[in-house]
Amino acid sequence: MFNEELGDPFIIIHSISLLKAEEHSIAILILRIEKEELDMKGSGFYVSLEWVTISKKNKDGKKYEITKRDILRGKSVPNYAAIEPNGNGLMIVSYKSFKFVQVDQDLEENMNEDMSEKIQVEPLYYWQQTEDDLTVTVRLPENSVKEDVHVQFLPDHINIMLRDCQLLKGKLYSSIDHESSTWIIKENNSLEIFLIKKNEGLTWPELVVGDKQGELIRDSAQCAAIAERLMHLTSEELNPNPDKEKPPCNAQELEECDIFFEESSSLCRFDGSTLKTTHVVNLGSNQYLFSVVVDPKEMPCFCLRHDVDALLWQPHSSKQDDMWEHIATFNALGYVQASKRDKKFFACAPNYSYAALCECLRRVFIYRQPTPMSTVLYNRKEGRHVGQVAKQQVASLETNDPILGFQATNERLFVLTTKNLFLIKVNTEN
C-alpha cells in the first residue's frame, strides 16, 4: 500500500493514525543522526527529526503517498518527542533547542548548486582571537581553487569574494596590519584568513562591525585568562561566611544525586502549519525521567523529577491555556532513582500503581505506590498511626544477557534480553 525509500538509517520515535473527512493519514516522526559538513566545531553531527505524513488521497483508495514532509534540526537527542492526536502540532523535550529548516522537495538534488542554503543552517564564518591576531575560517564549496578567491585587506576594512559572489565586506572592529595579514585555502575546502592586530591585547567583541553572520570560538587558554581576571570576585573557601543573608553554595552539602550533567532542558510546542514555536517551558533542573502512554487517545505522558518526587504530566493539545496537566505523583521516586547509577530503562504502569526501572544486567526495581496496611503500624518516633506504606521490590533475572527492552502494563512487566523475554507479575489482585 505504501513503499518508499526514506534515506539514511532512522528510528520511528512516534506515530499516529488520523481520519479527517474520510481521508486516512499516518503521521510519523523519524529520528536520524546526521553528519554536518559545515560544522567546524563540536561533534560534527546533528540530530534530524523528520515529520512525515502519509495519506490515501487518490480515488481508488488503495495507494498511500507522502503529502507532507518537514524537518527539524538540533544538537541533542530529544528526551521526548510526540505528535499531537489531531496532527496539528508537535511537542519536544530536549536539552538543546530544535528548529524547523526550510527544505525544498528538490533540495537534495540542488544541495551543491546554492551555497546560500548552507549558510542558513550554519554561520558563514567562525573566528578566533589571541592578544596579537585573529583567525577567520570560511567554508568553501568543494573543488574551490585559489583563483576563485579574492581577499582584500585594508587598515580597517576587509572584503572577501568567491568568484563573483561577495561573502563578507565591512569595517573591522579595530585596525589591523593589512600588509602582514595573509590567507590560505586548506585541504578541507576551508579558507583561513590571518589578521594581525594593530592594538595588541585589545579583545574584539565582533569581527566586522554590525555583522551577525559569524560565530566567535573561545579557546581554553582565553577562557582561563578571563577566569583569572575575575578571580577577585570569587572565594577559595567553600562556605566562607555561612551566617550571611545569602551564603554561597557549599558543594559538600549536595547529595551526589543532586548534581546533573546537563544544566537545563526545555519543553517546546511547534505548530504544524506555521512551523513556528508556540509554547516554550524552561524545565530548569527538573530532570526528565521517562514517558508512558496512559490514554491511547492522548499524547504520551512524560515524567519529571521535582525536588525528591517524580511527577507525571499529561499533554493536552486541545487546551491552549492549560496544555500540561499533572496527573500523578510518585513520592521520593526522583531521589531514589538517582542512586541507581546503572539504570537503563524507566517506566510506570498506565494506572500509576507502580513505577519500575531496570539496570543493564539482571536487576529490576519495582516501586509501589502507598497502599492501606492490613495490620496496625505505628511510627515509633512520632507515635502516630501509619495507614499506608509504599514498597520497593527487587527482581533478579536468571540471566547475564544484556537487557534490550522494558515495558510496563498495569499487571505485568515485560523485560527483553538478547535471548529471552521475561514476564514479571506485579499486580495479581485484579
Protein backbone atom coordinates (compact mmCIF):
# COMPACT_ATOMS: atom_id res chain seq x y z
CA MET A 1 0.00 0.00 0.00
CA PHE A 2 2.98 2.27 0.56
CA ASN A 3 6.61 1.72 -0.31
CA GLU A 4 9.25 4.44 -0.49
CA GLU A 5 12.94 4.75 0.28
CA LEU A 6 13.31 7.29 3.11
CA GLY A 7 17.09 7.59 3.04
CA ASP A 8 19.65 7.01 5.77
CA PRO A 9 19.01 4.68 8.76
CA PHE A 10 16.45 6.03 11.21
CA ILE A 11 14.21 5.09 14.11
CA ILE A 12 10.49 5.86 14.43
CA ILE A 13 10.02 7.59 17.77
CA HIS A 14 6.28 8.31 17.46
CA SER A 15 3.38 7.77 15.04
CA ILE A 16 -0.37 8.41 14.97
CA SER A 17 -3.29 7.45 12.74
CA LEU A 18 -5.62 10.23 11.55
CA LEU A 19 -9.05 10.17 9.89
CA LYS A 20 -10.28 13.54 8.57
CA ALA A 21 -13.21 13.85 6.13
CA GLU A 22 -12.88 10.15 5.28
CA GLU A 23 -9.24 10.65 4.33
CA HIS A 24 -6.87 8.36 6.23
CA SER A 25 -3.38 9.58 7.11
CA ILE A 26 -0.47 8.34 9.15
CA ALA A 27 1.90 10.87 10.73
CA ILE A 28 5.35 9.58 11.62
CA LEU A 29 8.25 11.15 13.49
CA ILE A 30 11.63 9.85 12.29
CA LEU A 31 14.92 10.43 14.10
CA ARG A 32 18.34 10.37 12.44
CA ILE A 33 21.87 11.29 13.48
CA GLU A 34 23.49 13.02 10.51
CA LYS A 35 26.90 14.40 9.61
CA GLU A 36 27.10 18.20 9.42
CA GLU A 37 29.61 19.10 6.72
CA LEU A 38 29.69 22.76 7.76
CA ASP A 39 30.24 22.10 11.46
CA MET A 40 33.74 23.29 12.24
CA LYS A 41 33.47 22.82 16.00
CA GLY A 42 31.80 20.37 18.33
CA SER A 43 30.99 16.78 17.36
CA GLY A 44 30.32 17.44 13.67
CA PHE A 45 26.91 15.75 13.91
CA TYR A 46 23.34 16.99 14.34
CA VAL A 47 20.02 15.37 15.18
CA SER A 48 17.36 15.38 12.46
CA LEU A 49 13.66 14.93 13.27
CA GLU A 50 11.62 14.34 10.13
CA TRP A 51 7.83 14.75 10.37
CA VAL A 52 6.31 12.71 7.54
CA THR A 53 2.59 12.47 6.75
CA ILE A 54 1.44 9.58 4.51
CA SER A 55 -2.12 9.89 3.15
CA LYS A 56 -4.54 7.94 1.00
CA LYS A 57 -5.69 10.69 -1.39
CA ASN A 58 -6.35 9.08 -4.74
CA LYS A 59 -9.82 7.99 -5.87
CA ASP A 60 -9.31 4.22 -5.83
CA GLY A 61 -8.31 4.49 -2.16
CA LYS A 62 -5.66 1.80 -2.40
CA LYS A 63 -2.38 3.69 -2.64
CA TYR A 64 -0.75 5.90 0.00
CA GLU A 65 1.67 8.71 -0.76
CA ILE A 66 3.72 11.28 1.17
CA THR A 67 1.71 14.51 1.39
CA LYS A 68 3.79 16.48 3.93
CA ARG A 69 7.43 16.41 4.91
CA ASP A 70 9.08 18.76 7.40
CA ILE A 71 12.47 18.57 9.11
CA LEU A 72 13.67 19.88 12.47
CA ARG A 73 17.31 20.03 13.47
CA GLY A 74 19.00 20.19 16.85
CA LYS A 75 22.24 19.33 18.61
CA SER A 76 20.90 16.86 21.20
CA VAL A 77 18.76 13.74 21.03
CA PRO A 78 15.31 14.67 22.41
CA ASN A 79 14.18 13.08 25.66
CA TYR A 80 10.58 13.21 24.42
CA ALA A 81 9.02 13.94 21.02
CA ALA A 82 5.38 13.29 20.09
CA ILE A 83 2.81 14.38 17.51
CA GLU A 84 -0.50 15.74 18.81
CA PRO A 85 -3.54 13.44 18.35
CA ASN A 86 -5.10 15.82 15.79
CA GLY A 87 -1.84 16.08 13.85
CA ASN A 88 -1.74 19.87 14.23
CA GLY A 89 1.36 20.16 16.39
CA LEU A 90 4.43 18.61 17.89
CA MET A 91 5.91 18.65 21.42
CA ILE A 92 9.59 18.11 22.20
CA VAL A 93 11.54 17.91 25.46
CA SER A 94 15.26 18.38 24.80
CA TYR A 95 18.42 19.86 26.28
CA LYS A 96 19.21 21.90 23.15
CA SER A 97 16.55 23.60 21.03
CA PHE A 98 15.17 22.30 17.75
CA LYS A 99 14.27 24.44 14.73
CA PHE A 100 12.43 23.71 11.51
CA VAL A 101 14.64 24.08 8.45
CA GLN A 102 13.27 25.22 5.12
CA VAL A 103 13.72 22.17 2.92
CA ASP A 104 12.62 22.14 -0.70
CA GLN A 105 11.42 18.89 -2.21
CA ASP A 106 14.32 19.22 -4.67
CA LEU A 107 16.86 20.41 -2.10
CA GLU A 108 18.80 17.17 -2.05
CA GLU A 109 19.42 17.36 -5.79
CA ASN A 110 20.45 21.03 -5.73
CA MET A 111 22.44 20.98 -2.49
CA ASN A 112 25.75 21.80 -4.14
CA GLU A 113 24.36 24.42 -6.51
CA ASP A 114 23.24 27.03 -3.99
CA MET A 115 25.60 27.94 -1.17
CA SER A 116 23.04 30.25 0.42
CA GLU A 117 21.03 27.21 1.56
CA LYS A 118 24.03 26.08 3.58
CA ILE A 119 24.53 29.50 5.14
CA GLN A 120 21.02 29.32 6.63
CA VAL A 121 21.99 26.25 8.62
CA GLU A 122 25.40 27.30 9.99
CA PRO A 123 27.28 30.60 10.46
CA LEU A 124 29.04 31.96 7.37
CA TYR A 125 32.36 32.03 9.20
CA TYR A 126 33.99 31.15 12.53
CA TRP A 127 36.66 33.30 14.12
CA GLN A 128 39.12 33.08 16.99
CA GLN A 129 41.47 35.62 18.51
CA THR A 130 44.56 35.91 20.68
CA GLU A 131 46.11 39.06 22.09
CA ASP A 132 48.08 39.52 18.85
CA ASP A 133 45.98 38.19 15.96
CA LEU A 134 42.69 36.81 14.66
CA THR A 135 41.93 33.68 12.61
CA VAL A 136 38.83 33.62 10.38
CA THR A 137 37.65 30.33 8.81
CA VAL A 138 35.14 30.25 5.93
CA ARG A 139 33.76 27.01 4.46
CA LEU A 140 34.07 26.92 0.65
CA PRO A 141 32.25 24.78 -1.92
CA GLU A 142 34.03 21.60 -2.99
CA ASN A 143 36.86 21.85 -5.53
CA SER A 144 37.40 25.57 -4.88
CA VAL A 145 40.81 26.79 -6.07
CA LYS A 146 42.96 29.79 -5.27
CA GLU A 147 41.85 31.63 -8.40
CA ASP A 148 38.19 31.54 -7.18
CA VAL A 149 39.00 33.54 -4.04
CA HIS A 150 39.87 37.23 -3.71
CA VAL A 151 40.64 38.73 -0.28
CA GLN A 152 41.29 42.48 0.08
CA PHE A 153 42.93 43.78 3.26
CA LEU A 154 42.70 47.46 4.24
CA PRO A 155 43.79 49.03 7.55
CA ASP A 156 40.24 48.85 8.95
CA HIS A 157 38.24 47.04 6.25
CA ILE A 158 38.05 43.54 4.74
CA ASN A 159 36.47 42.25 1.52
CA ILE A 160 36.13 38.53 0.71
CA MET A 161 34.93 37.45 -2.77
CA LEU A 162 34.22 33.93 -4.06
CA ARG A 163 34.10 34.03 -7.86
CA ASP A 164 31.52 36.79 -8.45
CA CYS A 165 29.82 36.37 -5.06
CA GLN A 166 30.66 38.65 -2.16
CA LEU A 167 30.96 36.59 1.03
CA LEU A 168 31.93 39.29 3.52
CA LYS A 169 32.62 43.02 3.35
CA GLY A 170 32.71 45.68 6.03
CA LYS A 171 34.53 47.76 8.61
CA LEU A 172 36.64 45.78 11.07
CA TYR A 173 36.13 46.37 14.79
CA SER A 174 39.68 47.70 15.10
CA SER A 175 42.70 48.35 12.89
CA ILE A 176 44.93 45.60 11.51
CA ASP A 177 48.38 45.42 9.95
CA HIS A 178 46.98 44.87 6.46
CA GLU A 179 50.39 44.29 4.88
CA SER A 180 51.20 41.40 7.24
CA SER A 181 47.74 39.75 7.07
CA THR A 182 47.51 36.60 4.89
CA TRP A 183 45.12 33.84 3.74
CA ILE A 184 45.34 30.23 2.52
CA ILE A 185 42.98 27.53 1.22
CA LYS A 186 43.23 24.35 3.30
CA GLU A 187 42.70 20.76 2.12
CA ASN A 188 39.28 20.52 3.83
CA ASN A 189 37.81 23.17 1.48
CA SER A 190 38.10 25.97 4.00
CA LEU A 191 39.51 29.47 3.59
CA GLU A 192 41.69 30.52 6.52
CA ILE A 193 42.44 34.22 7.00
CA PHE A 194 45.05 35.57 9.45
CA LEU A 195 44.66 39.16 10.65
CA ILE A 196 47.39 40.88 12.70
CA LYS A 197 46.03 43.29 15.33
CA LYS A 198 47.41 46.84 15.39
CA ASN A 199 46.32 47.28 19.02
CA GLU A 200 47.85 44.25 20.73
CA GLY A 201 45.92 42.98 23.75
CA LEU A 202 42.60 44.51 22.64
CA THR A 203 39.74 41.96 22.77
CA TRP A 204 37.38 42.27 19.79
CA PRO A 205 33.69 41.63 20.63
CA GLU A 206 32.91 41.29 16.89
CA LEU A 207 34.91 40.85 13.70
CA VAL A 208 33.02 43.13 11.28
CA VAL A 209 31.01 45.96 12.82
CA GLY A 210 27.29 45.08 12.81
CA ASP A 211 27.78 41.70 11.06
CA LYS A 212 25.87 38.76 12.61
CA GLN A 213 26.90 36.01 10.15
CA GLY A 214 29.90 34.78 12.13
CA GLU A 215 30.44 32.91 15.38
CA LEU A 216 33.27 33.51 17.86
CA ILE A 217 35.05 30.39 19.15
CA ARG A 218 36.71 30.89 22.52
CA ASP A 219 39.71 28.65 23.13
CA SER A 220 40.52 27.17 26.54
CA ALA A 221 43.50 29.48 27.13
CA GLN A 222 41.35 32.54 26.55
CA CYS A 223 38.64 31.28 28.91
CA ALA A 224 41.30 30.59 31.57
CA ALA A 225 42.63 34.15 31.20
CA ILE A 226 39.14 35.59 31.63
CA ALA A 227 38.57 33.41 34.71
CA GLU A 228 41.86 34.63 36.20
CA ARG A 229 40.82 38.27 35.72
CA LEU A 230 37.56 37.51 37.58
CA MET A 231 39.27 35.61 40.41
CA HIS A 232 38.93 38.51 42.85
CA LEU A 233 35.12 38.07 42.70
CA THR A 234 35.25 34.50 43.98
CA SER A 235 36.35 32.78 47.15
CA GLU A 236 38.59 29.75 47.56
CA GLU A 237 36.58 28.69 50.62
CA LEU A 238 33.52 26.51 50.05
CA ASN A 239 31.42 28.47 52.51
CA PRO A 240 33.44 31.38 53.94
CA ASN A 241 30.58 33.08 55.79
CA PRO A 242 27.52 30.84 56.32
CA ASP A 243 25.79 33.43 58.51
CA LYS A 244 25.41 35.96 55.70
CA GLU A 245 21.93 36.64 54.32
CA LYS A 246 22.73 34.81 51.07
CA PRO A 247 25.58 32.38 51.81
CA PRO A 248 27.49 30.80 48.91
CA CYS A 249 26.55 27.27 47.92
CA ASN A 250 28.63 24.63 49.63
CA ALA A 251 29.18 21.75 47.20
CA GLN A 252 29.77 19.37 50.11
CA GLU A 253 26.14 19.85 51.18
CA LEU A 254 24.87 18.48 47.87
CA GLU A 255 23.94 14.84 47.52
CA GLU A 256 25.50 13.04 44.55
CA CYS A 257 22.04 12.63 43.01
CA ASP A 258 21.50 16.42 43.06
CA ILE A 259 24.25 17.05 40.50
CA PHE A 260 23.15 16.90 36.85
CA PHE A 261 25.37 16.74 33.80
CA GLU A 262 23.00 18.98 31.83
CA GLU A 263 22.10 22.36 33.27
CA SER A 264 18.54 22.59 31.98
CA SER A 265 16.20 21.42 29.25
CA SER A 266 13.10 22.88 27.63
CA LEU A 267 9.64 21.74 26.59
CA CYS A 268 8.63 23.23 23.22
CA ARG A 269 5.39 23.06 21.28
CA PHE A 270 5.57 23.58 17.48
CA ASP A 271 2.61 24.44 15.26
CA GLY A 272 2.27 22.05 12.32
CA SER A 273 1.03 24.62 9.78
CA THR A 274 3.22 27.65 10.57
CA LEU A 275 6.20 25.52 11.74
CA LYS A 276 6.76 28.09 14.50
CA THR A 277 7.24 27.65 18.25
CA THR A 278 4.02 28.50 20.13
CA HIS A 279 4.99 27.49 23.70
CA VAL A 280 8.35 27.19 25.49
CA VAL A 281 8.73 26.00 29.09
CA ASN A 282 12.17 26.03 30.72
CA LEU A 283 12.32 22.85 32.81
CA GLY A 284 15.35 24.05 34.76
CA SER A 285 16.77 21.26 36.90
CA ASN A 286 13.58 19.17 36.65
CA GLN A 287 15.28 16.08 35.29
CA TYR A 288 13.43 14.09 32.59
CA LEU A 289 12.80 10.52 33.75
CA PHE A 290 10.57 8.62 31.30
CA SER A 291 7.43 8.69 29.15
CA VAL A 292 4.38 6.41 29.19
CA VAL A 293 1.08 6.08 27.32
CA VAL A 294 -1.74 6.41 29.87
CA ASP A 295 -4.61 7.10 27.45
CA PRO A 296 -4.18 5.92 23.80
CA LYS A 297 -6.35 8.85 22.66
CA GLU A 298 -3.93 11.36 24.18
CA MET A 299 -0.23 12.07 23.70
CA PRO A 300 2.26 10.06 25.77
CA CYS A 301 2.79 11.41 29.28
CA PHE A 302 6.23 12.44 30.48
CA CYS A 303 7.62 12.17 33.99
CA LEU A 304 9.90 14.81 35.53
CA ARG A 305 11.79 14.97 38.78
CA HIS A 306 10.55 17.79 41.05
CA ASP A 307 12.78 18.03 44.11
CA VAL A 308 12.73 14.45 45.51
CA ASP A 309 9.46 13.39 43.86
CA ALA A 310 8.59 12.23 40.35
CA LEU A 311 5.58 13.96 38.75
CA LEU A 312 3.69 12.63 35.74
CA TRP A 313 2.40 15.22 33.22
CA GLN A 314 -0.27 14.68 30.54
CA PRO A 315 -0.07 16.97 27.48
CA HIS A 316 -3.42 18.25 26.14
CA SER A 317 -3.17 19.73 22.63
CA SER A 318 -6.79 20.93 22.73
CA LYS A 319 -6.26 23.20 25.76
CA GLN A 320 -4.15 26.14 24.60
CA ASP A 321 -4.13 27.82 28.02
CA ASP A 322 -3.57 24.66 30.05
CA MET A 323 -1.60 22.30 27.85
CA TRP A 324 0.02 20.18 30.57
CA GLU A 325 -1.91 18.51 33.39
CA HIS A 326 -0.31 16.96 36.48
CA ILE A 327 -1.95 13.55 36.79
CA ALA A 328 0.17 11.52 39.23
CA THR A 329 2.96 11.73 41.80
CA PHE A 330 5.50 9.08 42.82
CA ASN A 331 6.69 10.21 46.24
CA ALA A 332 10.50 10.26 46.70
CA LEU A 333 10.99 8.37 43.42
CA GLY A 334 13.08 11.19 41.97
CA TYR A 335 15.50 10.80 44.84
CA VAL A 336 15.76 7.01 44.98
CA GLN A 337 16.17 6.56 41.22
CA ALA A 338 19.14 8.94 41.23
CA SER A 339 21.16 6.46 43.32
CA LYS A 340 20.75 3.75 40.65
CA ARG A 341 23.84 4.54 38.62
CA ASP A 342 23.44 1.57 36.25
CA LYS A 343 19.81 2.22 35.33
CA LYS A 344 18.93 1.66 31.68
CA PHE A 345 15.13 1.76 31.33
CA PHE A 346 12.43 3.51 33.37
CA ALA A 347 8.64 3.09 33.16
CA CYS A 348 5.39 3.11 35.14
CA ALA A 349 2.02 1.41 34.97
CA PRO A 350 -0.67 3.31 33.00
CA ASN A 351 -2.82 3.36 36.19
CA TYR A 352 0.15 4.78 38.21
CA SER A 353 0.05 1.85 40.68
CA TYR A 354 3.81 1.33 40.43
CA ALA A 355 6.97 2.55 38.72
CA ALA A 356 9.88 0.35 37.69
CA LEU A 357 13.39 0.64 36.41
CA CYS A 358 15.97 -1.88 35.32
CA GLU A 359 19.73 -1.93 35.17
CA CYS A 360 21.82 -3.02 32.22
CA LEU A 361 22.00 -6.56 33.61
CA ARG A 362 19.77 -8.75 35.77
CA ARG A 363 18.16 -6.43 38.33
CA VAL A 364 14.68 -4.87 38.11
CA PHE A 365 13.43 -2.46 40.80
CA ILE A 366 9.68 -2.03 41.42
CA TYR A 367 8.36 0.95 43.42
CA ARG A 368 4.75 0.51 44.51
CA GLN A 369 2.51 3.43 45.38
CA PRO A 370 1.40 3.63 49.06
CA THR A 371 -1.40 1.17 49.86
CA PRO A 372 -3.50 0.63 53.04
CA MET A 373 -1.94 -1.64 55.65
CA SER A 374 -3.74 -4.86 56.66
CA THR A 375 -2.13 -4.69 60.14
CA VAL A 376 -1.81 -1.83 62.64
CA LEU A 377 1.50 0.03 62.30
CA TYR A 378 2.84 2.95 64.37
CA ASN A 379 5.71 5.36 63.81
CA ARG A 380 7.97 4.86 66.87
CA LYS A 381 9.43 8.37 66.92
CA GLU A 382 6.19 10.28 66.41
CA GLY A 383 3.80 7.74 67.95
CA ARG A 384 1.29 8.19 65.14
CA HIS A 385 -0.64 5.52 63.30
CA VAL A 386 0.67 4.70 59.78
CA GLY A 387 -2.20 3.98 57.43
CA GLN A 388 -0.32 3.46 54.17
CA VAL A 389 3.12 2.15 53.20
CA ALA A 390 4.98 2.31 49.91
CA LYS A 391 7.04 -0.75 48.97
CA GLN A 392 10.20 -1.35 47.00
CA GLN A 393 10.84 -4.78 45.49
CA VAL A 394 13.81 -6.17 43.60
CA ALA A 395 13.58 -8.88 40.97
CA SER A 396 16.75 -10.62 39.79
CA LEU A 397 16.61 -12.24 36.34
CA GLU A 398 18.20 -15.63 35.91
CA THR A 399 20.44 -14.49 33.08
CA ASN A 400 23.51 -12.38 32.43
CA ASP A 401 22.37 -11.32 28.95
CA PRO A 402 22.03 -7.54 28.37
CA ILE A 403 18.55 -6.05 28.74
CA LEU A 404 17.31 -4.55 25.46
CA GLY A 405 13.69 -3.60 26.19
CA PHE A 406 11.39 -2.75 29.07
CA GLN A 407 7.60 -2.29 29.08
CA ALA A 408 5.12 -1.87 31.96
CA THR A 409 1.39 -2.68 31.98
CA ASN A 410 -0.99 -2.46 34.94
CA GLU A 411 -0.43 -6.13 35.85
CA ARG A 412 2.90 -7.13 34.33
CA LEU A 413 6.43 -6.06 33.46
CA PHE A 414 7.98 -7.27 30.20
CA VAL A 415 11.79 -7.42 30.13
CA LEU A 416 13.54 -8.29 26.87
CA THR A 417 17.12 -9.59 26.80
CA THR A 418 19.21 -10.75 23.84
CA LYS A 419 17.90 -14.32 24.26
CA ASN A 420 14.72 -14.26 26.38
CA LEU A 421 11.53 -12.34 27.10
CA PHE A 422 10.82 -12.27 30.85
CA LEU A 423 7.35 -11.61 32.25
CA ILE A 424 7.11 -10.37 35.85
CA LYS A 425 3.68 -10.39 37.52
CA VAL A 426 3.40 -7.19 39.55
CA ASN A 427 -0.30 -6.80 40.39
CA THR A 428 -2.13 -10.11 40.73
CA GLU A 429 -5.17 -8.92 42.71
CA ASN A 430 -7.20 -7.98 39.61
